Amino acid sequence: MTLWVLGLNHQTAPVELRERAAFAGEALPRALGSLRDTPQIAEAVLLSTCNRTELYAVADSAQALDQWLHAQAGDLQGYLYQHADAEAVRHLFRVATGLDSMVLGEPQILGQVKDAWSTARDHGLLGQRLDRLFQQTFSVAKRARTDTQVGANPVSVASAAVRLAQNAFARLDDSTVLLVGAGETIELAARHLSEGKVRRLLIANRTLAHAQELASRHGGVALPLTELDRHLAEADVVFSATAAREPVIHREMVAKALRARRHKPMLLFDLAVPRDIEAEVGTLNDAFLYTVDDLERAVEDNRRGRREAAAEAEAIIDLQVSRFVETQQASAHQAPLRQLRAFGEATRTELLERARQQLANGKPADEVLELLAHGLTNRLLHPPTAALRAAALSGDADLTRAAERLFPATPGYRHPPVRPDDADPAP
């Protein structure tokens, strides 16, 4: 059977198709149950995130995977990619390392890959091949992120702003942060702040319900935008990213807040275009204002650094793919040897137990030893004898030559006379 990956992601499919192929909530266990009941698929792991859905499987053919995904999500032809064996391994290594992500080097994907592996294991879908692959994947991803800077620096304006606030201004666990807006940029900032254990989070938005939804996800307090002036003085750090056409934070509002704070410094990030915070705020003592342009320069430097680190991570992945494939090939070559040894051990155990029973029943030891030796010889030689006879009849010279290498003639050995019961030894 072949190792396959079949999937779609942010590079190959628009969001409406990614949504259709997503498996979340109750849909995930149903999908895994369906995979388990598909006879052509021996092992499977289903990775489903907001940006990708991928099926990793050990199966007879990619067609079985394609048919299964088509039954679950409809026609996705033209949007899917597939890889087999070494390229499937490479793809998983790159995904887990963050090299295939929308944000290069983002760390969340590794946790999502681990969750997919764990869920597949819980549903009885993991076999030896996929389990080994995913265990190796975790090791490769950890090494790539440790040995390179692929995930070291923020590459979004929101994450860069949070990093700057955390490193250069105030400890988040001792700060009150005010978020103005409730869109994607503010959502990202809220997530980074929550991960940074911010002490208190205020979220102000024109539509209060949106602020409440965001606050419930990240442990904040929602405010209507009309109360912004009243609560501004509480904020040590302000992030603003609304869709307003005019500034929502004015110089006089910040000056008033600073007076109420007894001129304790305030850090403000204007992440909006057009700007949310009047430029004149930057002229106030104790107010430190950064705009998108200020942050973009740092972000571009970080992106360049990540791209350089990504090339180093790719080199690590290339090496690890080669090693993994070599290990798997060596393991596959060992399978016949393991099978042969298992057959020998099972035969020995069975006939030894029979000999012990014969001794316990009073049969003479010499007779028992003779029967044991004769039985072992017959049982062990029956499979190769039968195979060589069939090869002789079919003209299979390769097997005959292999037997000559495996069982070279012993000098001085004379074949014993053939007993009638040796003519066709029973298994």
Protein backbone atom coordinates (compact mmCIF):
# COMPACT_ATOMS: atom_id res chain seq x y z
CA MET A 1 0.00 0.00 0.00
CA THR A 2 1.07 3.57 -0.71
CA LEU A 3 1.32 6.60 1.57
CA TRP A 4 -0.84 9.41 0.15
CA VAL A 5 -1.88 12.95 0.97
CA LEU A 6 -4.89 14.52 -0.71
CA GLY A 7 -6.04 18.02 0.17
CA LEU A 8 -6.73 21.65 -0.54
CA ASN A 9 -5.54 24.83 1.15
CA HIS A 10 -5.51 28.63 0.98
CA GLN A 11 -3.27 28.49 -2.09
CA THR A 12 -5.49 26.20 -4.17
CA ALA A 13 -9.08 26.90 -3.11
CA PRO A 14 -11.21 29.96 -2.18
CA VAL A 15 -12.67 30.24 1.30
CA GLU A 16 -16.15 29.03 0.28
CA LEU A 17 -14.68 25.71 -0.90
CA ARG A 18 -12.44 25.40 2.16
CA GLU A 19 -15.52 25.90 4.32
CA ARG A 20 -17.37 23.16 2.42
CA ALA A 21 -14.52 20.73 2.95
CA ALA A 22 -13.95 21.62 6.62
CA PHE A 23 -14.61 19.04 9.33
CA ALA A 24 -15.31 20.53 12.73
CA GLY A 25 -17.54 19.79 15.72
CA GLU A 26 -19.78 16.75 15.22
CA ALA A 27 -18.76 16.48 11.55
CA LEU A 28 -15.25 15.31 12.48
CA PRO A 29 -16.13 12.07 14.33
CA ARG A 30 -18.65 11.21 11.61
CA ALA A 31 -15.99 11.70 8.95
CA LEU A 32 -13.48 9.59 10.87
CA GLY A 33 -16.05 6.83 11.29
CA SER A 34 -16.67 6.89 7.54
CA LEU A 35 -12.92 6.63 6.90
CA ARG A 36 -12.66 3.67 9.26
CA ASP A 37 -15.43 1.92 7.31
CA THR A 38 -13.73 2.44 3.94
CA PRO A 39 -12.01 -0.91 3.13
CA GLN A 40 -9.54 0.56 0.59
CA ILE A 41 -8.08 2.86 3.29
CA ALA A 42 -5.93 1.06 5.87
CA GLU A 43 -4.81 4.07 7.94
CA ALA A 44 -5.83 7.73 7.94
CA VAL A 45 -5.32 11.09 9.63
CA LEU A 46 -7.65 13.98 8.79
CA LEU A 47 -6.19 17.48 9.26
CA SER A 48 -8.83 20.23 9.03
CA THR A 49 -8.14 23.90 9.85
CA CYS A 50 -9.51 27.22 8.62
CA ASN A 51 -6.89 27.26 5.84
CA ARG A 52 -6.60 23.60 4.83
CA THR A 53 -8.21 20.18 4.77
CA GLU A 54 -5.82 17.29 4.16
CA LEU A 55 -6.24 13.53 4.29
CA TYR A 56 -3.09 11.53 5.02
CA ALA A 57 -3.66 7.86 4.35
CA VAL A 58 -2.16 4.47 3.64
CA ALA A 59 -4.31 3.15 0.81
CA ASP A 60 -4.32 1.09 -2.38
CA SER A 61 -4.76 4.17 -4.55
CA ALA A 62 -5.44 7.89 -4.43
CA GLN A 63 -8.79 7.21 -6.10
CA ALA A 64 -10.16 5.78 -2.86
CA LEU A 65 -9.28 9.03 -1.06
CA ASP A 66 -10.72 11.16 -3.84
CA GLN A 67 -13.99 9.23 -3.83
CA TRP A 68 -14.27 9.53 -0.06
CA LEU A 69 -13.64 13.29 -0.06
CA HIS A 70 -16.05 13.77 -2.97
CA ALA A 71 -18.77 11.93 -1.00
CA GLN A 72 -18.14 14.16 2.02
CA ALA A 73 -17.69 17.60 0.42
CA GLY A 74 -18.86 17.40 -3.20
CA ASP A 75 -16.87 17.98 -6.35
CA LEU A 76 -13.51 19.64 -5.62
CA GLN A 77 -11.69 18.71 -8.81
CA GLY A 78 -9.26 21.38 -9.94
CA TYR A 79 -8.68 22.53 -6.35
CA LEU A 80 -7.01 19.43 -4.91
CA TYR A 81 -3.36 18.42 -4.72
CA GLN A 82 -2.00 14.98 -4.04
CA HIS A 83 1.42 13.56 -3.14
CA ALA A 84 2.68 10.02 -2.71
CA ASP A 85 5.35 8.41 -0.53
CA ALA A 86 8.45 10.68 -0.21
CA GLU A 87 6.61 13.77 -1.48
CA ALA A 88 3.77 13.09 0.96
CA VAL A 89 6.35 12.92 3.77
CA ARG A 90 7.94 16.18 2.59
CA HIS A 91 4.55 17.90 2.44
CA LEU A 92 3.65 16.92 6.01
CA PHE A 93 7.06 18.02 7.31
CA ARG A 94 6.59 21.43 5.62
CA VAL A 95 3.03 21.82 6.91
CA ALA A 96 3.98 21.04 10.52
CA THR A 97 6.96 23.41 10.36
CA GLY A 98 4.81 26.29 9.12
CA LEU A 99 6.49 26.51 5.71
CA ASP A 100 3.19 25.90 3.90
CA SER A 101 1.15 28.33 6.03
CA MET A 102 -0.46 31.62 4.98
CA VAL A 103 1.81 33.28 7.57
CA LEU A 104 5.25 31.77 7.05
CA GLY A 105 6.46 29.96 10.16
CA GLU A 106 3.27 30.40 12.20
CA PRO A 107 3.39 28.10 15.24
CA GLN A 108 -0.29 27.13 15.65
CA ILE A 109 -0.24 24.58 12.83
CA LEU A 110 2.03 22.16 14.72
CA GLY A 111 -0.51 21.93 17.54
CA GLN A 112 -3.26 21.34 14.97
CA VAL A 113 -1.25 18.53 13.36
CA LYS A 114 -0.76 16.93 16.79
CA ASP A 115 -4.49 17.19 17.49
CA ALA A 116 -5.30 15.51 14.15
CA TRP A 117 -2.88 12.65 14.93
CA SER A 118 -4.28 12.21 18.45
CA THR A 119 -7.90 12.22 17.21
CA ALA A 120 -7.11 9.63 14.52
CA ARG A 121 -5.48 7.44 17.16
CA ASP A 122 -8.51 7.74 19.43
CA HIS A 123 -10.78 6.64 16.57
CA GLY A 124 -8.68 3.58 15.70
CA LEU A 125 -7.41 4.94 12.38
CA LEU A 126 -3.69 4.93 13.13
CA GLY A 127 -1.46 2.07 12.09
CA GLN A 128 2.28 1.63 12.37
CA ARG A 129 3.19 3.55 9.21
CA LEU A 130 1.26 6.75 9.91
CA ASP A 131 2.08 6.70 13.60
CA ARG A 132 5.81 6.55 12.81
CA LEU A 133 5.44 9.29 10.21
CA PHE A 134 3.67 11.69 12.56
CA GLN A 135 6.04 10.99 15.44
CA GLN A 136 8.93 11.82 13.11
CA THR A 137 7.07 14.91 11.90
CA PHE A 138 6.89 16.33 15.42
CA SER A 139 10.62 15.79 15.86
CA VAL A 140 11.47 17.42 12.50
CA ALA A 141 9.23 20.44 13.14
CA LYS A 142 10.74 20.98 16.58
CA ARG A 143 14.25 20.77 15.18
CA ALA A 144 13.52 23.14 12.28
CA ARG A 145 12.03 25.73 14.63
CA THR A 146 14.85 25.32 17.17
CA ASP A 147 17.75 25.36 14.71
CA THR A 148 16.42 28.23 12.54
CA GLN A 149 14.64 31.54 13.06
CA VAL A 150 11.66 30.54 10.89
CA GLY A 151 9.15 31.40 13.62
CA ALA A 152 11.14 33.83 15.72
CA ASN A 153 9.79 37.24 14.65
CA PRO A 154 6.22 38.52 14.15
CA VAL A 155 5.16 38.95 10.53
CA SER A 156 1.82 40.72 10.93
CA VAL A 157 1.24 44.30 11.99
CA ALA A 158 -0.88 43.16 14.95
CA SER A 159 1.67 40.67 16.24
CA ALA A 160 4.52 43.15 15.72
CA ALA A 161 2.62 45.75 17.74
CA VAL A 162 1.97 43.31 20.59
CA ARG A 163 5.62 42.25 20.59
CA LEU A 164 6.73 45.89 20.74
CA ALA A 165 4.34 46.63 23.59
CA GLN A 166 5.53 43.59 25.48
CA ASN A 167 9.26 44.06 24.98
CA ALA A 168 9.74 47.82 24.97
CA PHE A 169 7.00 49.38 27.05
CA ALA A 170 5.06 47.45 29.67
CA ARG A 171 4.59 43.97 31.07
CA LEU A 172 1.29 42.66 29.72
CA ASP A 173 0.49 40.85 32.96
CA ASP A 174 0.58 44.23 34.71
CA SER A 175 -1.21 46.30 32.03
CA THR A 176 -4.67 47.30 30.91
CA VAL A 177 -5.04 47.18 27.14
CA LEU A 178 -7.82 48.86 25.17
CA LEU A 179 -8.77 47.49 21.75
CA VAL A 180 -10.83 49.75 19.48
CA GLY A 181 -12.65 47.86 16.72
CA ALA A 182 -13.63 44.21 16.30
CA GLY A 183 -12.31 43.20 12.88
CA GLU A 184 -9.65 40.71 11.87
CA THR A 185 -6.68 42.85 12.94
CA ILE A 186 -8.13 43.45 16.40
CA GLU A 187 -9.05 39.76 16.66
CA LEU A 188 -5.42 38.85 15.97
CA ALA A 189 -4.16 41.40 18.49
CA ALA A 190 -6.62 40.06 21.09
CA ARG A 191 -5.36 36.53 20.56
CA HIS A 192 -1.71 37.56 21.01
CA LEU A 193 -2.57 39.60 24.08
CA SER A 194 -4.51 36.72 25.59
CA GLU A 195 -1.57 34.38 24.97
CA GLY A 196 0.67 37.00 26.62
CA LYS A 197 -1.51 36.88 29.78
CA VAL A 198 -2.62 40.52 29.64
CA ARG A 199 -3.97 41.64 33.02
CA ARG A 200 -7.09 43.42 31.75
CA LEU A 201 -8.57 43.71 28.28
CA LEU A 202 -11.13 46.34 27.21
CA ILE A 203 -12.79 46.13 23.78
CA ALA A 204 -14.71 49.09 22.37
CA ASN A 205 -16.67 48.89 19.13
CA ARG A 206 -19.46 50.75 17.36
CA THR A 207 -21.54 47.54 17.32
CA LEU A 208 -21.54 46.38 20.94
CA ALA A 209 -22.56 42.81 20.05
CA HIS A 210 -19.37 42.37 18.03
CA ALA A 211 -17.28 43.64 20.93
CA GLN A 212 -19.09 41.28 23.30
CA GLU A 213 -18.42 38.32 21.01
CA LEU A 214 -14.72 39.14 20.84
CA ALA A 215 -14.56 39.75 24.61
CA SER A 216 -16.16 36.37 25.35
CA ARG A 217 -13.48 34.58 23.31
CA HIS A 218 -10.52 36.34 24.92
CA GLY A 219 -11.65 37.18 28.44
CA GLY A 220 -12.20 40.90 27.94
CA VAL A 221 -14.79 43.55 28.81
CA ALA A 222 -16.94 44.95 25.98
CA LEU A 223 -17.71 48.67 25.71
CA PRO A 224 -19.79 50.75 23.26
CA LEU A 225 -17.64 53.12 21.23
CA THR A 226 -19.56 56.05 22.75
CA GLU A 227 -17.86 55.30 26.10
CA LEU A 228 -14.35 55.39 24.64
CA ASP A 229 -13.60 58.86 26.03
CA ARG A 230 -14.66 57.74 29.51
CA HIS A 231 -12.42 54.65 29.65
CA LEU A 232 -9.37 55.83 27.71
CA ALA A 233 -7.53 56.86 30.88
CA GLU A 234 -7.61 53.26 32.14
CA ALA A 235 -5.50 52.05 29.22
CA ASP A 236 -1.76 51.63 29.38
CA VAL A 237 -1.75 50.43 25.77
CA VAL A 238 -4.25 51.19 22.98
CA PHE A 239 -4.70 49.29 19.70
CA SER A 240 -7.11 50.82 17.19
CA ALA A 241 -8.26 49.36 13.86
CA THR A 242 -11.73 50.44 12.81
CA ALA A 243 -13.24 51.03 9.38
CA ALA A 244 -14.02 54.68 10.20
CA ARG A 245 -13.22 57.29 7.57
CA GLU A 246 -12.25 59.88 10.22
CA PRO A 247 -10.15 59.54 13.40
CA VAL A 248 -11.97 58.12 16.41
CA ILE A 249 -9.26 59.12 18.92
CA HIS A 250 -8.39 62.81 19.02
CA ARG A 251 -5.55 64.77 20.56
CA GLU A 252 -7.74 66.34 23.23
CA MET A 253 -9.16 62.93 24.27
CA VAL A 254 -5.65 61.58 24.85
CA ALA A 255 -4.50 64.78 26.61
CA LYS A 256 -7.48 64.49 28.99
CA ALA A 257 -6.71 60.80 29.62
CA LEU A 258 -3.05 61.57 30.38
CA ARG A 259 -4.05 64.21 32.91
CA ALA A 260 -6.32 61.67 34.61
CA ARG A 261 -3.41 59.20 34.62
CA ARG A 262 -1.13 61.81 36.22
CA HIS A 263 0.91 61.61 33.01
CA LYS A 264 1.69 57.94 33.34
CA PRO A 265 2.87 57.04 29.79
CA MET A 266 0.45 55.61 27.24
CA LEU A 267 1.42 53.56 24.18
CA LEU A 268 -0.90 53.84 21.15
CA PHE A 269 -0.89 51.73 17.98
CA ASP A 270 -2.88 53.00 15.02
CA LEU A 271 -3.36 49.89 12.88
CA ALA A 272 -6.02 51.41 10.62
CA VAL A 273 -5.95 52.84 7.11
CA PRO A 274 -7.28 55.58 7.03
CA ARG A 275 -5.84 56.45 10.41
CA ASP A 276 -7.92 56.09 13.60
CA ILE A 277 -5.72 58.30 15.80
CA GLU A 278 -4.98 61.92 15.03
CA ALA A 279 -1.31 62.41 14.14
CA GLU A 280 -1.11 65.29 16.63
CA VAL A 281 -1.42 62.75 19.49
CA GLY A 282 2.22 61.96 18.82
CA THR A 283 3.21 65.49 19.89
CA LEU A 284 1.93 64.96 23.45
CA ASN A 285 4.39 64.27 26.21
CA ASP A 286 3.95 60.76 27.62
CA ALA A 287 1.99 59.59 24.53
CA PHE A 288 3.91 57.23 22.23
CA LEU A 289 2.17 56.75 18.89
CA TYR A 290 3.04 54.15 16.23
CA THR A 291 1.30 53.93 12.87
CA VAL A 292 0.98 51.11 10.32
CA ASP A 293 3.92 52.55 8.38
CA ASP A 294 6.14 52.42 11.46
CA LEU A 295 5.26 48.79 12.07
CA GLU A 296 5.37 47.69 8.42
CA ARG A 297 9.08 48.45 8.24
CA ALA A 298 9.75 46.13 11.17
CA VAL A 299 7.39 43.49 9.74
CA GLU A 300 9.13 43.52 6.35
CA ASP A 301 12.50 43.04 8.03
CA ASN A 302 11.03 40.12 9.94
CA ARG A 303 9.50 38.64 6.77
CA ARG A 304 12.88 38.81 5.07
CA GLY A 305 14.47 37.10 8.08
CA ARG A 306 11.84 34.36 8.03
CA ARG A 307 12.31 33.75 4.32
CA GLU A 308 16.04 33.28 4.88
CA ALA A 309 15.32 30.97 7.83
CA ALA A 310 12.79 29.07 5.71
CA ALA A 311 15.54 28.14 3.25
CA GLU A 312 17.52 26.68 6.15
CA ALA A 313 14.44 24.80 7.37
CA GLU A 314 13.86 23.40 3.87
CA ALA A 315 17.40 21.98 3.91
CA ILE A 316 16.71 20.29 7.24
CA ILE A 317 13.47 18.85 5.84
CA ASP A 318 15.20 17.55 2.70
CA LEU A 319 17.69 15.64 4.85
CA GLN A 320 15.02 14.29 7.19
CA VAL A 321 12.80 13.14 4.29
CA SER A 322 15.70 11.14 2.87
CA ARG A 323 16.44 9.57 6.24
CA PHE A 324 12.80 8.72 6.90
CA VAL A 325 12.33 7.11 3.48
CA GLU A 326 15.57 5.10 3.87
CA THR A 327 14.43 3.89 7.29
CA GLN A 328 11.03 2.88 5.92
CA GLN A 329 12.60 1.02 2.99
CA ALA A 330 14.96 -0.81 5.33
CA SER A 331 12.03 -1.72 7.55
CA ALA A 332 10.08 -3.02 4.56
CA HIS A 333 13.03 -5.21 3.56
CA GLN A 334 13.11 -6.63 7.08
CA ALA A 335 9.46 -7.73 6.89
CA PRO A 336 10.15 -11.10 5.17
CA LEU A 337 12.89 -11.85 7.70
CA ARG A 338 10.56 -11.05 10.60
CA GLN A 339 7.89 -13.24 9.02
CA LEU A 340 10.36 -16.12 8.62
CA ARG A 341 11.55 -15.85 12.21
CA ALA A 342 7.99 -15.66 13.50
CA PHE A 343 7.14 -18.84 11.58
CA GLY A 344 10.20 -20.60 13.04
CA GLU A 345 9.45 -19.48 16.59
CA ALA A 346 5.79 -20.54 16.35
CA THR A 347 6.80 -23.95 14.98
CA ARG A 348 9.41 -24.45 17.71
CA THR A 349 6.96 -23.50 20.46
CA GLU A 350 4.22 -25.80 19.17
CA LEU A 351 6.42 -28.88 18.68
CA LEU A 352 8.32 -28.36 21.93
CA GLU A 353 5.04 -28.27 23.85
CA ARG A 354 3.95 -31.48 22.08
CA ALA A 355 7.28 -33.14 23.06
CA ARG A 356 6.83 -32.14 26.70
CA GLN A 357 3.37 -33.69 26.73
CA GLN A 358 4.75 -36.92 25.23
CA LEU A 359 7.45 -37.07 27.93
CA ALA A 360 4.84 -36.45 30.62
CA ASN A 361 2.81 -39.34 29.20
CA GLY A 362 5.79 -41.68 29.65
CA LYS A 363 7.08 -41.94 26.08
CA PRO A 364 10.86 -42.71 26.00
CA ALA A 365 13.06 -39.65 25.73
CA ASP A 366 15.04 -40.93 22.72
CA GLU A 367 11.82 -41.51 20.80
CA VAL A 368 10.49 -38.05 21.75
CA LEU A 369 13.75 -36.39 20.61
CA GLU A 370 13.65 -38.24 17.31
CA LEU A 371 10.03 -37.16 16.72
CA LEU A 372 10.84 -33.59 17.71
CA ALA A 373 13.81 -33.33 15.33
CA HIS A 374 11.91 -34.99 12.51
CA GLY A 375 8.86 -32.77 13.05
CA LEU A 376 10.91 -29.57 13.11
CA THR A 377 12.73 -30.53 9.93
CA ASN A 378 9.52 -31.37 8.10
CA ARG A 379 7.63 -28.29 9.28
CA LEU A 380 10.43 -25.80 8.58
CA LEU A 381 11.36 -27.22 5.17
CA HIS A 382 7.83 -27.67 3.84
CA PRO A 383 7.25 -24.02 2.64
CA PRO A 384 10.56 -23.67 0.72
CA THR A 385 10.24 -27.23 -0.65
CA ALA A 386 6.75 -26.56 -1.99
CA ALA A 387 7.84 -23.20 -3.45
CA LEU A 388 10.87 -24.73 -5.20
CA ARG A 389 8.75 -27.52 -6.70
CA ALA A 390 6.33 -24.93 -8.06
CA ALA A 391 9.26 -22.88 -9.40
CA ALA A 392 10.69 -25.91 -11.19
CA LEU A 393 7.34 -26.60 -12.84
CA SER A 394 6.88 -22.96 -13.91
CA GLY A 395 10.47 -22.40 -14.97
CA ASP A 396 11.15 -19.77 -12.28
CA ALA A 397 14.97 -19.79 -12.39
CA ASP A 398 15.26 -16.75 -10.09
CA LEU A 399 13.82 -18.61 -7.12
CA THR A 400 16.04 -21.63 -7.82
CA ARG A 401 19.15 -19.42 -7.88
CA ALA A 402 18.02 -17.71 -4.66
CA ALA A 403 17.65 -21.11 -3.00
CA GLU A 404 21.18 -22.05 -4.06
CA ARG A 405 22.47 -18.91 -2.37
CA LEU A 406 20.40 -19.51 0.75
CA PHE A 407 21.18 -23.21 1.08
CA PRO A 408 24.67 -23.85 -0.34
CA ALA A 409 25.77 -27.46 -0.59
CA THR A 410 27.62 -28.68 2.48
CA PRO A 411 30.94 -30.44 1.59
CA GLY A 412 30.92 -34.13 2.50
CA TYR A 413 27.19 -34.12 3.25
CA ARG A 414 25.32 -37.26 2.15
CA HIS A 415 21.55 -37.17 1.88
CA PRO A 416 19.87 -39.73 4.12
CA PRO A 417 17.58 -42.28 2.52
CA VAL A 418 14.16 -40.84 1.84
CA ARG A 419 11.50 -42.23 4.15
CA PRO A 420 8.00 -42.65 2.74
CA ASP A 421 6.59 -39.99 5.05
CA ASP A 422 9.34 -37.54 3.91
CA ALA A 423 8.21 -37.50 0.30
CA ASP A 424 5.75 -34.70 0.84
CA PRO A 425 6.21 -33.32 4.37
CA ALA A 426 3.00 -32.10 5.91
CA PRO A 427 2.88 -28.56 7.25
